[in-house]
């Protein structure tokens, strides 16, 4: 896959980490209501060039009335630049 930016690649990576059918070791996250609410919140689409784009924080704030800061922090804590993900701005 190609991603519009690092944020999109990081959220997609987290999506794959949390996939119950993943062959990787399971990730256990704390039972935190803010985190549980934030992680699945961003919507994703494909750009006209086919890159994966994640909904902006600004748009999420408009839609939900708050920023997904806790979810973003969790996603970024699992991001690894050297995993071979492709992104181009």
N, C-alpha and C. Protein backbone atom coordinates (compact mmCIF):
# COMPACT_ATOMS: atom_id res chain seq x y z
N UNK A 1 0.83 -1.19 0.00
CA UNK A 1 0.00 0.00 0.00
C UNK A 1 0.87 1.24 0.00
N UNK A 2 0.33 2.32 -0.52
CA UNK A 2 0.98 3.61 -0.40
C UNK A 2 0.09 4.52 0.41
N UNK A 3 0.71 5.38 1.21
CA UNK A 3 -0.01 6.23 2.14
C UNK A 3 0.27 7.69 1.83
N UNK A 4 -0.71 8.53 2.12
CA UNK A 4 -0.58 9.95 1.86
C UNK A 4 0.48 10.58 2.76
N UNK A 5 0.58 10.08 4.00
CA UNK A 5 1.54 10.65 4.95
C UNK A 5 1.85 9.61 6.03
N UNK A 6 2.73 9.99 6.94
CA UNK A 6 3.13 9.07 8.00
C UNK A 6 1.95 8.75 8.91
N UNK A 7 1.10 9.73 9.17
CA UNK A 7 -0.06 9.49 10.04
C UNK A 7 -0.93 8.37 9.48
N UNK A 8 -1.17 8.41 8.18
CA UNK A 8 -1.98 7.36 7.54
C UNK A 8 -1.28 6.00 7.64
N UNK A 9 0.01 5.97 7.40
CA UNK A 9 0.75 4.71 7.49
C UNK A 9 0.75 4.18 8.92
N UNK A 10 0.90 5.07 9.89
CA UNK A 10 0.92 4.66 11.29
C UNK A 10 -0.43 4.10 11.73
N UNK A 11 -1.53 4.75 11.32
CA UNK A 11 -2.86 4.23 11.68
C UNK A 11 -3.11 2.88 11.00
N UNK A 12 -2.67 2.73 9.75
CA UNK A 12 -2.87 1.46 9.06
C UNK A 12 -2.05 0.36 9.74
N UNK A 13 -0.85 0.71 10.13
CA UNK A 13 0.01 -0.24 10.85
C UNK A 13 -0.68 -0.69 12.15
N UNK A 14 -1.26 0.25 12.89
CA UNK A 14 -1.96 -0.09 14.13
C UNK A 14 -3.16 -0.98 13.84
N UNK A 15 -3.85 -0.68 12.75
CA UNK A 15 -4.99 -1.49 12.33
C UNK A 15 -4.57 -2.94 12.13
N UNK A 16 -3.42 -3.13 11.50
CA UNK A 16 -2.92 -4.49 11.26
C UNK A 16 -2.44 -5.15 12.54
N UNK A 17 -1.83 -4.37 13.43
CA UNK A 17 -1.38 -4.92 14.71
C UNK A 17 -2.56 -5.46 15.51
N UNK A 18 -3.68 -4.74 15.48
CA UNK A 18 -4.84 -5.12 16.28
C UNK A 18 -5.75 -6.12 15.59
N UNK A 19 -5.45 -6.49 14.37
CA UNK A 19 -6.26 -7.47 13.64
C UNK A 19 -6.17 -8.82 14.34
N UNK A 20 -7.30 -9.36 14.79
CA UNK A 20 -7.25 -10.64 15.50
C UNK A 20 -6.75 -11.80 14.65
N UNK A 21 -6.77 -11.66 13.35
CA UNK A 21 -6.28 -12.71 12.46
C UNK A 21 -4.80 -12.55 12.11
N UNK A 22 -4.16 -11.55 12.71
CA UNK A 22 -2.75 -11.30 12.44
C UNK A 22 -1.90 -12.46 12.92
N UNK A 23 -0.84 -12.73 12.21
CA UNK A 23 0.08 -13.80 12.60
C UNK A 23 1.10 -13.31 13.62
N UNK A 24 1.14 -11.99 13.87
CA UNK A 24 2.07 -11.43 14.85
C UNK A 24 1.57 -11.74 16.26
N UNK A 25 2.46 -11.58 17.23
CA UNK A 25 2.06 -11.75 18.63
C UNK A 25 0.97 -10.73 18.96
N UNK A 26 -0.02 -11.12 19.75
CA UNK A 26 -1.10 -10.19 20.07
C UNK A 26 -0.60 -9.01 20.91
N UNK A 27 -1.23 -7.88 20.70
CA UNK A 27 -0.93 -6.68 21.47
C UNK A 27 -2.07 -6.50 22.47
N UNK A 28 -1.72 -6.37 23.73
CA UNK A 28 -2.71 -6.17 24.77
C UNK A 28 -2.67 -4.71 25.18
N UNK A 29 -3.78 -4.04 25.03
CA UNK A 29 -3.88 -2.63 25.40
C UNK A 29 -4.70 -2.49 26.67
N UNK A 30 -4.43 -1.43 27.44
CA UNK A 30 -5.20 -1.25 28.67
C UNK A 30 -6.66 -0.93 28.39
N UNK A 31 -7.50 -1.18 29.35
CA UNK A 31 -8.93 -0.93 29.23
C UNK A 31 -9.19 0.55 29.57
N UNK A 32 -8.80 1.40 28.64
CA UNK A 32 -8.94 2.85 28.82
C UNK A 32 -10.04 3.36 27.91
N UNK A 33 -11.11 3.94 28.45
CA UNK A 33 -12.24 4.36 27.63
C UNK A 33 -11.87 5.40 26.56
N UNK A 34 -10.96 6.33 26.89
CA UNK A 34 -10.57 7.34 25.90
C UNK A 34 -9.84 6.68 24.73
N UNK A 35 -8.92 5.79 25.04
CA UNK A 35 -8.17 5.11 24.00
C UNK A 35 -9.09 4.23 23.15
N UNK A 36 -9.95 3.47 23.81
CA UNK A 36 -10.87 2.58 23.09
C UNK A 36 -11.80 3.38 22.19
N UNK A 37 -12.18 4.57 22.64
CA UNK A 37 -13.04 5.43 21.81
C UNK A 37 -12.29 6.07 20.66
N UNK A 38 -11.03 6.42 20.89
CA UNK A 38 -10.25 7.14 19.87
C UNK A 38 -9.72 6.25 18.75
N UNK A 39 -9.25 5.06 19.07
CA UNK A 39 -8.56 4.24 18.06
C UNK A 39 -9.39 3.94 16.81
N UNK A 40 -10.65 3.57 16.93
CA UNK A 40 -11.40 3.26 15.71
C UNK A 40 -12.07 4.48 15.06
N UNK A 41 -11.85 5.66 15.62
CA UNK A 41 -12.57 6.85 15.17
C UNK A 41 -12.20 7.35 13.78
N UNK A 42 -10.92 7.50 13.45
CA UNK A 42 -10.58 8.07 12.13
C UNK A 42 -11.09 7.22 10.97
N UNK A 43 -11.71 7.89 10.03
CA UNK A 43 -12.15 7.21 8.80
C UNK A 43 -11.01 7.27 7.79
N UNK A 44 -11.00 6.34 6.87
CA UNK A 44 -9.97 6.37 5.84
C UNK A 44 -10.61 6.29 4.47
N UNK A 45 -9.90 6.86 3.51
CA UNK A 45 -10.33 6.85 2.11
C UNK A 45 -9.09 6.68 1.24
N UNK A 46 -9.33 6.53 -0.04
CA UNK A 46 -8.22 6.51 -1.00
C UNK A 46 -8.25 7.82 -1.78
N UNK A 47 -7.07 8.36 -2.03
CA UNK A 47 -6.98 9.56 -2.84
C UNK A 47 -7.17 9.19 -4.31
N UNK A 48 -7.25 10.18 -5.17
CA UNK A 48 -7.41 9.90 -6.61
C UNK A 48 -6.22 9.12 -7.17
N UNK A 49 -5.08 9.22 -6.51
CA UNK A 49 -3.91 8.46 -6.97
C UNK A 49 -3.82 7.09 -6.29
N UNK A 50 -4.80 6.75 -5.45
CA UNK A 50 -4.84 5.44 -4.84
C UNK A 50 -4.17 5.33 -3.48
N UNK A 51 -3.61 6.43 -2.97
CA UNK A 51 -2.96 6.39 -1.67
C UNK A 51 -4.00 6.39 -0.56
N UNK A 52 -3.67 5.74 0.54
CA UNK A 52 -4.57 5.69 1.68
C UNK A 52 -4.41 6.97 2.49
N UNK A 53 -5.54 7.58 2.81
CA UNK A 53 -5.58 8.83 3.56
C UNK A 53 -6.45 8.63 4.80
N UNK A 54 -5.98 9.10 5.95
CA UNK A 54 -6.74 9.02 7.19
C UNK A 54 -7.34 10.39 7.47
N UNK A 55 -8.57 10.38 7.95
CA UNK A 55 -9.28 11.61 8.29
C UNK A 55 -8.42 12.51 9.19
N UNK A 56 -8.44 13.79 8.92
CA UNK A 56 -7.62 14.74 9.69
C UNK A 56 -8.17 14.92 11.10
N UNK A 57 -7.27 15.32 12.00
CA UNK A 57 -7.71 15.58 13.38
C UNK A 57 -8.74 16.70 13.40
N UNK A 58 -8.57 17.68 12.54
CA UNK A 58 -9.51 18.79 12.47
C UNK A 58 -10.91 18.29 12.13
N UNK A 59 -11.00 17.41 11.16
CA UNK A 59 -12.30 16.85 10.78
C UNK A 59 -12.88 15.96 11.88
N UNK A 60 -12.02 15.22 12.56
CA UNK A 60 -12.48 14.39 13.67
C UNK A 60 -13.03 15.27 14.79
N UNK A 61 -12.32 16.35 15.11
CA UNK A 61 -12.79 17.26 16.15
C UNK A 61 -14.17 17.82 15.80
N UNK A 62 -14.36 18.18 14.54
CA UNK A 62 -15.67 18.68 14.10
C UNK A 62 -16.75 17.62 14.28
N UNK A 63 -16.43 16.40 13.91
CA UNK A 63 -17.41 15.31 13.95
C UNK A 63 -17.73 14.86 15.37
N UNK A 64 -16.71 14.77 16.23
CA UNK A 64 -16.90 14.21 17.57
C UNK A 64 -17.01 15.26 18.68
N UNK A 65 -16.46 16.42 18.43
CA UNK A 65 -16.45 17.44 19.48
C UNK A 65 -15.22 17.37 20.37
N UNK A 66 -14.30 16.47 20.07
CA UNK A 66 -13.04 16.40 20.81
C UNK A 66 -11.96 15.81 19.91
N UNK A 67 -10.72 16.03 20.30
CA UNK A 67 -9.59 15.54 19.52
C UNK A 67 -9.22 14.13 19.98
N UNK A 68 -8.81 13.26 19.05
CA UNK A 68 -8.43 11.89 19.41
C UNK A 68 -6.98 11.79 19.88
N UNK A 69 -6.60 12.65 20.81
CA UNK A 69 -5.20 12.71 21.24
C UNK A 69 -4.69 11.42 21.86
N UNK A 70 -5.52 10.75 22.65
CA UNK A 70 -5.08 9.51 23.30
C UNK A 70 -4.83 8.42 22.25
N UNK A 71 -5.76 8.28 21.32
CA UNK A 71 -5.58 7.30 20.25
C UNK A 71 -4.37 7.60 19.39
N UNK A 72 -4.17 8.88 19.06
CA UNK A 72 -2.99 9.27 18.28
C UNK A 72 -1.71 8.90 19.01
N UNK A 73 -1.67 9.13 20.32
CA UNK A 73 -0.47 8.82 21.10
C UNK A 73 -0.17 7.32 21.06
N UNK A 74 -1.22 6.50 21.17
CA UNK A 74 -1.03 5.05 21.13
C UNK A 74 -0.53 4.62 19.75
N UNK A 75 -1.15 5.14 18.70
CA UNK A 75 -0.75 4.79 17.33
C UNK A 75 0.71 5.17 17.09
N UNK A 76 1.09 6.37 17.49
CA UNK A 76 2.46 6.81 17.26
C UNK A 76 3.47 6.03 18.10
N UNK A 77 3.03 5.54 19.26
CA UNK A 77 3.96 4.76 20.09
C UNK A 77 4.28 3.41 19.45
N UNK A 78 3.43 2.93 18.55
CA UNK A 78 3.67 1.66 17.87
C UNK A 78 4.29 1.84 16.48
N UNK A 79 4.46 3.07 16.04
CA UNK A 79 5.00 3.33 14.71
C UNK A 79 6.50 3.06 14.68
N UNK A 80 6.91 2.38 13.65
CA UNK A 80 8.33 2.09 13.43
C UNK A 80 8.65 2.46 12.00
N UNK A 81 9.55 3.40 11.81
CA UNK A 81 9.88 3.86 10.46
C UNK A 81 10.56 2.79 9.63
N UNK A 82 11.19 1.83 10.25
CA UNK A 82 12.00 0.86 9.50
C UNK A 82 11.24 -0.41 9.14
N UNK A 83 9.92 -0.38 9.13
CA UNK A 83 9.19 -1.62 8.86
C UNK A 83 8.89 -1.82 7.38
N UNK A 84 9.33 -0.88 6.56
CA UNK A 84 9.15 -1.07 5.12
C UNK A 84 7.87 -0.49 4.57
N UNK A 85 7.19 0.35 5.30
CA UNK A 85 5.97 0.98 4.80
C UNK A 85 6.33 2.06 3.80
N UNK A 86 5.49 2.23 2.80
CA UNK A 86 5.74 3.24 1.77
C UNK A 86 4.77 4.39 1.95
N UNK A 87 5.31 5.57 2.04
CA UNK A 87 4.44 6.75 2.06
C UNK A 87 5.14 7.85 1.28
N UNK A 88 4.35 8.62 0.62
CA UNK A 88 4.88 9.77 -0.14
C UNK A 88 3.88 10.90 -0.04
N UNK A 89 4.39 12.09 0.24
CA UNK A 89 3.48 13.24 0.33
C UNK A 89 3.30 13.88 -1.03
